[in-house]
Amino acid sequence: MDTISLQKVALTLLKSLGSSSRSQPITT
């Protein structure tokens, strides 16, 4: 697995979760 890819996905997820709903816990 590529670290860059994981970081990109993590950032996208964080942005989506943070923008959409902060109630859900972040599990990566």
PDB file of N, CA and C in Angstrom:
ATOM      1  N   MET A   1       0.851  -1.215   0.000  1.00  0.00           N
ATOM      2  CA  MET A   1       0.000   0.000   0.000  1.00  0.00           C
ATOM      3  C   MET A   1       0.879   1.254   0.000  1.00  0.00           C
ATOM      4  N   ASP A   2       0.389   2.277  -0.668  1.00  0.00           N
ATOM      5  CA  ASP A   2       1.146   3.527  -0.722  1.00  0.00           C
ATOM      6  C   ASP A   2       0.710   4.473   0.389  1.00  0.00           C
ATOM      7  N   THR A   3       1.690   5.034   1.084  1.00  0.00           N
ATOM      8  CA  THR A   3       1.369   5.955   2.173  1.00  0.00           C
ATOM      9  C   THR A   3       0.658   7.190   1.644  1.00  0.00           C
ATOM     10  N   ILE A   4       1.092   7.642   0.470  1.00  0.00           N
ATOM     11  CA  ILE A   4       0.483   8.844  -0.110  1.00  0.00           C
ATOM     12  C   ILE A   4      -1.002   8.610  -0.362  1.00  0.00           C
ATOM     13  N   SER A   5      -1.315   7.445  -0.915  1.00  0.00           N
ATOM     14  CA  SER A   5      -2.718   7.126  -1.211  1.00  0.00           C
ATOM     15  C   SER A   5      -3.529   7.118   0.079  1.00  0.00           C
ATOM     16  N   LEU A   6      -2.991   6.461   1.099  1.00  0.00           N
ATOM     17  CA  LEU A   6      -3.696   6.379   2.381  1.00  0.00           C
ATOM     18  C   LEU A   6      -3.921   7.772   2.943  1.00  0.00           C
ATOM     19  N   GLN A   7      -2.900   8.603   2.880  1.00  0.00           N
ATOM     20  CA  GLN A   7      -3.031   9.964   3.407  1.00  0.00           C
ATOM     21  C   GLN A   7      -4.100  10.731   2.648  1.00  0.00           C
ATOM     22  N   LYS A   8      -4.114  10.553   1.320  1.00  0.00           N
ATOM     23  CA  LYS A   8      -5.110  11.253   0.498  1.00  0.00           C
ATOM     24  C   LYS A   8      -6.508  10.819   0.902  1.00  0.00           C
ATOM     25  N   VAL A   9      -6.704   9.523   1.044  1.00  0.00           N
ATOM     26  CA  VAL A   9      -8.014   8.994   1.421  1.00  0.00           C
ATOM     27  C   VAL A   9      -8.396   9.495   2.806  1.00  0.00           C
ATOM     28  N   ALA A  10      -7.446   9.460   3.728  1.00  0.00           N
ATOM     29  CA  ALA A  10      -7.716   9.913   5.092  1.00  0.00           C
ATOM     30  C   ALA A  10      -8.143  11.380   5.088  1.00  0.00           C
ATOM     31  N   LEU A  11      -7.436  12.192   4.332  1.00  0.00           N
ATOM     32  CA  LEU A  11      -7.773  13.616   4.266  1.00  0.00           C
ATOM     33  C   LEU A  11      -9.168  13.815   3.703  1.00  0.00           C
ATOM     34  N   THR A  12      -9.477  13.077   2.651  1.00  0.00           N
ATOM     35  CA  THR A  12     -10.801  13.192   2.036  1.00  0.00           C
ATOM     36  C   THR A  12     -11.880  12.785   3.027  1.00  0.00           C
ATOM     37  N   LEU A  13     -11.635  11.677   3.725  1.00  0.00           N
ATOM     38  CA  LEU A  13     -12.623  11.193   4.692  1.00  0.00           C
ATOM     39  C   LEU A  13     -12.803  12.214   5.808  1.00  0.00           C
ATOM     40  N   LEU A  14     -11.696  12.729   6.306  1.00  0.00           N
ATOM     41  CA  LEU A  14     -11.764  13.712   7.383  1.00  0.00           C
ATOM     42  C   LEU A  14     -12.558  14.931   6.947  1.00  0.00           C
ATOM     43  N   LYS A  15     -12.287  15.400   5.742  1.00  0.00           N
ATOM     44  CA  LYS A  15     -13.003  16.576   5.230  1.00  0.00           C
ATOM     45  C   LYS A  15     -14.488  16.275   5.114  1.00  0.00           C
ATOM     46  N   SER A  16     -14.798  15.116   4.550  1.00  0.00           N
ATOM     47  CA  SER A  16     -16.201  14.743   4.349  1.00  0.00           C
ATOM     48  C   SER A  16     -16.916  14.612   5.692  1.00  0.00           C
ATOM     49  N   LEU A  17     -16.297  13.877   6.611  1.00  0.00           N
ATOM     50  CA  LEU A  17     -16.922  13.663   7.915  1.00  0.00           C
ATOM     51  C   LEU A  17     -17.063  14.985   8.663  1.00  0.00           C
ATOM     52  N   GLY A  18     -16.003  15.754   8.689  1.00  0.00           N
ATOM     53  CA  GLY A  18     -16.022  17.024   9.405  1.00  0.00           C
ATOM     54  C   GLY A  18     -17.063  17.969   8.831  1.00  0.00           C
ATOM     55  N   SER A  19     -17.196  17.957   7.509  1.00  0.00           N
ATOM     56  CA  SER A  19     -18.148  18.869   6.872  1.00  0.00           C
ATOM     57  C   SER A  19     -19.576  18.343   7.017  1.00  0.00           C
ATOM     58  N   SER A  20     -19.720  17.027   6.840  1.00  0.00           N
ATOM     59  CA  SER A  20     -21.062  16.437   6.870  1.00  0.00           C
ATOM     60  C   SER A  20     -21.573  16.339   8.309  1.00  0.00           C
ATOM     61  N   SER A  21     -20.962  15.436   9.082  1.00  0.00           N
ATOM     62  CA  SER A  21     -21.435  15.247  10.457  1.00  0.00           C
ATOM     63  C   SER A  21     -20.256  14.971  11.376  1.00  0.00           C
ATOM     64  N   ARG A  22     -20.160  15.746  12.458  1.00  0.00           N
ATOM     65  CA  ARG A  22     -19.059  15.539  13.390  1.00  0.00           C
ATOM     66  C   ARG A  22     -19.444  14.552  14.484  1.00  0.00           C
ATOM     67  N   SER A  23     -20.659  14.056  14.447  1.00  0.00           N
ATOM     68  CA  SER A  23     -21.117  13.134  15.479  1.00  0.00           C
ATOM     69  C   SER A  23     -20.428  11.781  15.331  1.00  0.00           C
ATOM     70  N   GLN A  24     -20.236  11.365  14.078  1.00  0.00           N
ATOM     71  CA  GLN A  24     -19.625  10.061  13.845  1.00  0.00           C
ATOM     72  C   GLN A  24     -18.143  10.084  14.184  1.00  0.00           C
ATOM     73  N   PRO A  25     -17.673   9.084  14.915  1.00  0.00           N
ATOM     74  CA  PRO A  25     -16.256   8.984  15.278  1.00  0.00           C
ATOM     75  C   PRO A  25     -15.423   8.597  14.065  1.00  0.00           C
ATOM     76  N   ILE A  26     -14.204   9.088  14.008  1.00  0.00           N
ATOM     77  CA  ILE A  26     -13.333   8.796  12.879  1.00  0.00           C
ATOM     78  C   ILE A  26     -12.595   7.482  13.125  1.00  0.00           C
ATOM     79  N   THR A  27     -12.853   6.504  12.280  1.00  0.00           N
ATOM     80  CA  THR A  27     -12.187   5.209  12.425  1.00  0.00           C
ATOM     81  C   THR A  27     -11.456   4.870  11.141  1.00  0.00           C
ATOM     82  N   THR A  28     -10.129   4.947  11.192  1.00  0.00           N
ATOM     83  CA  THR A  28      -9.337   4.662  10.000  1.00  0.00           C
ATOM     84  C   THR A  28      -8.416   3.501  10.262  1.00  0.00           C
TER      85      THR A  28
END
